[in-house]
Amino acid sequence: MKLITFTESSRTRIGLLQGGQIVDLSKVTPSLPDDMLNFLEAGDAAMQEAAKHINAAAHFAAADVVIEAPMKRPPKILAIGLNYRAHAEESNMEIPKYPVVFTKQATSANGPYAPIHSPTETKMLDYEGELGLVIGKRCRRVSKDDASKVIAGFCVLNDVSVREWQFLATPPQFTMGKSWDTHNPFGPAIVTPDEVDPHNLMLRTFVNGQLRQETNTDDLIFNCYDIIAFLSTAFTLEPGDVIATGTPSGVGAAMQPQGTLQLGDTVKVEIEGLGYIENEVIAEPDTATIQ
């Protein structure tokens, strides 16, 4: 299944993506939650009920609705750094012995086709095309052998990075560098594990149509199951948690000369079997708020 969150007629709910068509789950099985996070928390029974409607007649064309981030505010966004061998090499860093873990704040979540904000504080805004995975079961101390059982599905993700904060600040500020609002576009769907092998997928990132990243996920140092086993040793993973599994070689900051993002650029990340996300870089609007 390809589970999506979409907005039509000012109402947001979940559905099934079938090519360019959408089955509105609220119409075919109104007993299910219409919010993705609540749907995932409902567990296997909800998944099984939704699966009954894979071949239902579509209600909308995808082009006629707004495809949103699968979840507006994931409980946690966790990320793994330096997790492709070729990326470690281009960064002149040793292959890590354990996953390099950092967090992105939940407010960085962004839609698969929504704009990315470039703040005035950066001249080194960068892209990182990544395979994302979504947790489907509350779990702790999961073995590698059992890790596949807690995955709801996979998605495309861009770990947008403000490199000045990430690397050049003293001391380096990974959380700040990775957590600006809009800097975690993901989607367009949560693709259930029965549809793809997450460790044999082609990933490509384009900037203004120019290919920047191209690799197979078989180059991951720590695969999805390694990551889940490692993270769940320390803390509970919950339905709706999003894990960014790392980016391959080809990031803008590593290019000579650097190819970091400029206003007006469009970044497209596509992963075999999962679809693509595409986001324009715009100047950050005046978002100062006190409520």
Protein backbone atom coordinates (compact mmCIF):
# COMPACT_ATOMS: atom_id res chain seq x y z
CA MET A 1 0.00 0.00 0.00
CA LYS A 2 0.94 3.60 -0.49
CA LEU A 3 -0.62 5.53 2.37
CA ILE A 4 -0.94 9.29 1.96
CA THR A 5 -2.28 12.35 3.71
CA PHE A 6 -4.10 14.73 1.36
CA THR A 7 -6.25 17.84 1.48
CA GLU A 8 -9.32 18.27 -0.70
CA SER A 9 -12.08 20.88 -0.24
CA SER A 10 -10.23 22.25 2.82
CA ARG A 11 -10.44 18.88 4.57
CA THR A 12 -7.35 16.79 5.32
CA ARG A 13 -7.55 13.01 5.62
CA ILE A 14 -5.73 9.82 4.63
CA GLY A 15 -6.01 7.70 1.52
CA LEU A 16 -4.36 5.18 -0.76
CA LEU A 17 -2.28 6.33 -3.70
CA GLN A 18 -2.72 4.24 -6.84
CA GLY A 19 -0.56 5.67 -9.59
CA GLY A 20 -2.08 9.08 -10.16
CA GLN A 21 -5.33 8.26 -8.37
CA ILE A 22 -6.45 8.39 -4.73
CA VAL A 23 -8.83 6.19 -2.78
CA ASP A 24 -10.32 8.23 0.06
CA LEU A 25 -10.30 5.89 3.06
CA SER A 26 -12.84 8.03 4.88
CA LYS A 27 -15.34 7.11 2.16
CA VAL A 28 -14.69 3.37 1.87
CA THR A 29 -14.04 2.62 5.55
CA PRO A 30 -15.22 5.51 7.73
CA SER A 31 -14.52 3.60 10.95
CA LEU A 32 -10.77 4.16 10.45
CA PRO A 33 -9.04 7.26 11.85
CA ASP A 34 -8.66 9.96 9.21
CA ASP A 35 -5.36 11.20 10.67
CA MET A 36 -2.19 9.27 9.78
CA LEU A 37 -0.70 9.29 13.26
CA ASN A 38 -3.91 7.97 14.81
CA PHE A 39 -4.14 5.43 12.00
CA LEU A 40 -0.63 4.11 12.72
CA GLU A 41 -1.36 4.00 16.44
CA ALA A 42 -4.38 1.80 15.66
CA GLY A 43 -1.93 -0.92 14.62
CA ASP A 44 -2.31 -4.04 12.52
CA ALA A 45 -6.10 -4.02 12.53
CA ALA A 46 -6.16 -0.61 10.83
CA MET A 47 -3.55 -1.67 8.30
CA GLN A 48 -5.47 -4.81 7.45
CA GLU A 49 -8.72 -2.90 7.04
CA ALA A 50 -7.10 -0.34 4.75
CA ALA A 51 -5.52 -3.11 2.68
CA LYS A 52 -8.97 -4.45 1.80
CA HIS A 53 -9.53 -1.34 -0.32
CA ILE A 54 -6.38 -1.35 -2.44
CA ASN A 55 -8.41 -2.07 -5.55
CA ALA A 56 -11.34 0.20 -4.73
CA ALA A 57 -12.48 2.75 -7.29
CA ALA A 58 -10.56 6.00 -6.96
CA HIS A 59 -12.27 9.15 -5.73
CA PHE A 60 -9.78 11.81 -6.84
CA ALA A 61 -6.90 12.40 -9.19
CA ALA A 62 -3.72 13.17 -7.28
CA ALA A 63 -3.29 16.28 -9.42
CA ASP A 64 -6.57 17.68 -8.05
CA VAL A 65 -5.67 17.52 -4.36
CA VAL A 66 -2.78 18.68 -2.16
CA ILE A 67 -0.49 15.84 -1.09
CA GLU A 68 0.65 16.69 2.43
CA ALA A 69 3.46 15.32 4.58
CA PRO A 70 2.29 11.89 5.78
CA MET A 71 2.25 13.37 9.30
CA LYS A 72 2.23 17.08 10.08
CA ARG A 73 4.09 16.54 13.36
CA PRO A 74 5.82 13.18 13.74
CA PRO A 75 6.42 12.26 17.40
CA LYS A 76 10.17 12.13 16.72
CA ILE A 77 12.40 12.72 13.72
CA LEU A 78 15.64 10.81 14.19
CA ALA A 79 18.49 10.82 11.72
CA ILE A 80 21.67 8.94 11.00
CA GLY A 81 24.78 10.71 9.78
CA LEU A 82 27.65 9.41 7.66
CA ASN A 83 25.81 6.20 6.77
CA TYR A 84 26.91 5.61 3.17
CA ARG A 85 30.43 4.42 2.49
CA ALA A 86 30.94 6.77 -0.45
CA HIS A 87 29.68 9.75 1.60
CA ALA A 88 32.14 8.95 4.39
CA GLU A 89 34.91 8.90 1.80
CA GLU A 90 33.92 12.26 0.25
CA SER A 91 33.82 13.72 3.77
CA ASN A 92 37.31 12.36 4.51
CA MET A 93 36.00 10.57 7.57
CA GLU A 94 36.46 7.04 8.85
CA ILE A 95 33.68 4.49 8.54
CA PRO A 96 31.81 4.77 11.88
CA LYS A 97 31.70 1.76 14.21
CA TYR A 98 28.25 2.73 15.49
CA PRO A 99 25.43 4.77 13.92
CA VAL A 100 25.93 8.52 14.21
CA VAL A 101 22.61 9.74 15.65
CA PHE A 102 21.10 13.22 15.75
CA THR A 103 17.60 14.62 15.94
CA LYS A 104 15.56 16.98 13.82
CA GLN A 105 12.80 18.84 15.59
CA ALA A 106 9.23 17.81 14.73
CA THR A 107 8.51 21.33 13.46
CA SER A 108 10.95 20.75 10.59
CA ALA A 109 8.41 18.39 8.98
CA ASN A 110 7.32 19.63 5.58
CA GLY A 111 5.19 18.48 2.68
CA PRO A 112 6.65 16.56 -0.25
CA TYR A 113 6.01 19.42 -2.68
CA ALA A 114 6.03 22.42 -0.34
CA PRO A 115 8.74 25.11 -0.47
CA ILE A 116 11.91 24.95 1.62
CA HIS A 117 12.72 28.18 3.45
CA SER A 118 16.22 29.61 3.16
CA PRO A 119 16.90 31.78 6.23
CA THR A 120 19.10 34.86 6.11
CA GLU A 121 21.51 33.14 8.53
CA THR A 122 22.85 30.78 5.86
CA LYS A 123 24.76 30.92 2.63
CA MET A 124 25.37 27.16 2.81
CA LEU A 125 21.92 25.60 2.60
CA ASP A 126 22.34 22.00 1.49
CA TYR A 127 20.29 19.00 0.38
CA GLU A 128 20.58 15.40 1.54
CA GLY A 129 18.39 12.92 -0.30
CA GLU A 130 17.56 10.00 1.99
CA LEU A 131 15.51 6.89 2.50
CA GLY A 132 13.10 7.49 5.37
CA LEU A 133 11.41 4.83 7.43
CA VAL A 134 8.31 5.19 9.59
CA ILE A 135 7.80 3.24 12.79
CA GLY A 136 4.48 1.41 13.11
CA LYS A 137 4.66 -0.18 16.56
CA ARG A 138 5.65 1.04 19.99
CA CYS A 139 8.85 -0.84 20.77
CA ARG A 140 11.94 -0.96 22.96
CA ARG A 141 15.09 -3.10 22.76
CA VAL A 142 14.14 -4.60 19.43
CA SER A 143 16.55 -7.18 18.04
CA LYS A 144 17.85 -6.80 14.51
CA ASP A 145 15.97 -9.98 13.58
CA ASP A 146 12.67 -8.49 14.79
CA ALA A 147 13.20 -4.95 13.51
CA SER A 148 11.26 -5.47 10.28
CA LYS A 149 8.13 -6.17 12.35
CA VAL A 150 7.96 -2.61 13.72
CA ILE A 151 8.23 -0.73 10.40
CA ALA A 152 5.02 0.77 9.00
CA GLY A 153 6.68 1.71 5.75
CA PHE A 154 9.23 3.76 3.84
CA CYS A 155 9.28 7.21 2.24
CA VAL A 156 11.46 9.72 0.44
CA LEU A 157 13.08 12.40 2.62
CA ASN A 158 15.35 15.42 2.25
CA ASP A 159 17.47 16.16 5.32
CA VAL A 160 17.93 19.85 4.49
CA SER A 161 20.94 21.24 6.35
CA VAL A 162 22.24 24.66 7.38
CA ARG A 163 25.94 23.88 7.16
CA GLU A 164 27.13 26.97 9.07
CA TRP A 165 25.41 25.71 12.21
CA GLN A 166 26.18 22.06 11.60
CA PHE A 167 29.92 22.39 11.05
CA LEU A 168 31.27 25.92 11.41
CA ALA A 169 29.77 26.96 14.75
CA THR A 170 31.91 26.52 17.86
CA PRO A 171 31.01 24.00 19.07
CA PRO A 172 29.18 22.46 16.07
CA GLN A 173 25.39 22.57 16.43
CA PHE A 174 23.88 19.55 14.67
CA THR A 175 20.42 20.01 16.17
CA MET A 176 20.28 23.67 15.13
CA GLY A 177 21.77 22.96 11.72
CA LYS A 178 19.24 20.25 10.96
CA SER A 179 16.04 21.55 12.53
CA TRP A 180 14.97 24.75 10.82
CA ASP A 181 11.27 24.90 10.03
CA THR A 182 10.47 23.30 6.62
CA HIS A 183 13.83 21.47 6.51
CA ASN A 184 12.41 17.95 6.55
CA PRO A 185 10.20 17.48 3.50
CA PHE A 186 9.09 13.86 3.23
CA GLY A 187 6.58 11.62 1.53
CA PRO A 188 4.80 11.51 -0.80
CA ALA A 189 3.52 8.27 0.74
CA ILE A 190 4.31 5.72 3.40
CA VAL A 191 4.96 2.64 1.27
CA THR A 192 4.37 -0.56 3.22
CA PRO A 193 7.24 -3.08 3.50
CA ASP A 194 5.56 -5.70 1.33
CA GLU A 195 6.09 -3.47 -1.72
CA VAL A 196 9.86 -2.78 -1.56
CA ASP A 197 13.19 -4.13 -0.38
CA PRO A 198 14.60 -1.07 1.44
CA HIS A 199 18.17 -2.29 1.00
CA ASN A 200 18.10 -2.49 -2.79
CA LEU A 201 16.61 0.77 -4.05
CA MET A 202 18.08 3.39 -6.37
CA LEU A 203 18.16 6.89 -4.88
CA ARG A 204 18.72 9.98 -6.99
CA THR A 205 18.80 13.68 -6.12
CA PHE A 206 18.52 16.44 -8.71
CA VAL A 207 19.03 20.19 -8.34
CA ASN A 208 17.41 22.14 -11.17
CA GLY A 209 17.38 18.93 -13.17
CA GLN A 210 21.11 18.25 -12.66
CA LEU A 211 21.85 14.83 -11.14
CA ARG A 212 23.76 15.33 -7.88
CA GLN A 213 23.32 12.06 -5.98
CA GLU A 214 22.91 8.55 -7.36
CA THR A 215 23.37 5.38 -5.36
CA ASN A 216 21.75 2.15 -4.29
CA THR A 217 20.70 1.75 -0.68
CA ASP A 218 22.87 -1.37 -0.58
CA ASP A 219 25.73 1.07 0.15
CA LEU A 220 24.27 1.80 3.61
CA ILE A 221 26.77 1.12 6.38
CA PHE A 222 24.03 0.43 8.91
CA ASN A 223 20.81 -0.83 7.35
CA CYS A 224 17.28 -0.11 8.54
CA TYR A 225 17.24 -3.05 10.93
CA ASP A 226 20.64 -2.16 12.44
CA ILE A 227 19.38 1.37 13.04
CA ILE A 228 16.16 0.29 14.76
CA ALA A 229 18.00 -2.17 17.00
CA PHE A 230 20.54 0.51 17.96
CA LEU A 231 18.07 3.34 18.63
CA SER A 232 15.61 1.20 20.57
CA THR A 233 18.36 0.15 22.95
CA ALA A 234 18.23 3.62 24.49
CA PHE A 235 14.64 4.79 24.08
CA THR A 236 11.17 3.73 23.06
CA LEU A 237 10.24 4.12 19.42
CA GLU A 238 6.61 5.07 18.79
CA PRO A 239 4.18 4.81 15.88
CA GLY A 240 4.78 7.73 13.56
CA ASP A 241 8.43 8.23 14.43
CA VAL A 242 10.40 9.06 11.28
CA ILE A 243 13.98 7.89 10.85
CA ALA A 244 16.20 9.41 8.15
CA THR A 245 18.72 6.72 7.30
CA GLY A 246 21.52 8.89 5.93
CA THR A 247 22.57 10.49 2.66
CA PRO A 248 24.89 9.19 -0.06
CA SER A 249 27.77 11.04 -1.68
CA GLY A 250 27.11 14.10 -3.81
CA VAL A 251 26.01 16.73 -1.28
CA GLY A 252 26.50 20.32 -2.34
CA ALA A 253 28.99 21.21 0.39
CA ALA A 254 31.39 18.49 -0.83
CA MET A 255 31.43 19.69 -4.46
CA GLN A 256 34.30 21.70 -5.92
CA PRO A 257 33.21 24.44 -6.23
CA GLN A 258 30.44 24.05 -3.67
CA GLY A 259 26.97 23.42 -5.04
CA THR A 260 24.83 24.46 -2.11
CA LEU A 261 21.28 25.68 -2.67
CA GLN A 262 20.30 29.12 -3.89
CA LEU A 263 16.98 30.95 -3.92
CA GLY A 264 14.83 29.65 -6.74
CA ASP A 265 16.52 26.25 -6.92
CA THR A 266 14.36 23.15 -7.10
CA VAL A 267 15.46 19.94 -5.38
CA LYS A 268 14.00 16.62 -6.43
CA VAL A 269 14.70 13.39 -4.55
CA GLU A 270 13.41 10.16 -6.03
CA ILE A 271 13.68 6.61 -4.74
CA GLU A 272 12.79 3.53 -6.71
CA GLY A 273 9.37 2.22 -5.68
CA LEU A 274 8.67 5.12 -3.32
CA GLY A 275 8.08 8.03 -5.71
CA TYR A 276 9.64 11.45 -5.42
CA ILE A 277 9.51 14.71 -3.52
CA GLU A 278 10.26 18.07 -5.12
CA ASN A 279 10.74 21.36 -3.29
CA GLU A 280 11.56 24.91 -4.36
CA VAL A 281 13.93 27.00 -2.26
CA ILE A 282 12.41 30.34 -1.29
CA ALA A 283 13.42 33.13 1.08
CA GLU A 284 12.16 32.50 4.58
CA PRO A 285 9.11 34.71 5.11
CA ASP A 286 8.63 36.77 8.24
CA THR A 287 7.68 33.98 10.62
CA ALA A 288 8.30 35.75 13.91
CA THR A 289 5.43 34.82 16.22
CA ILE A 290 4.39 35.04 19.84
CA GLN A 291 1.13 33.29 20.63
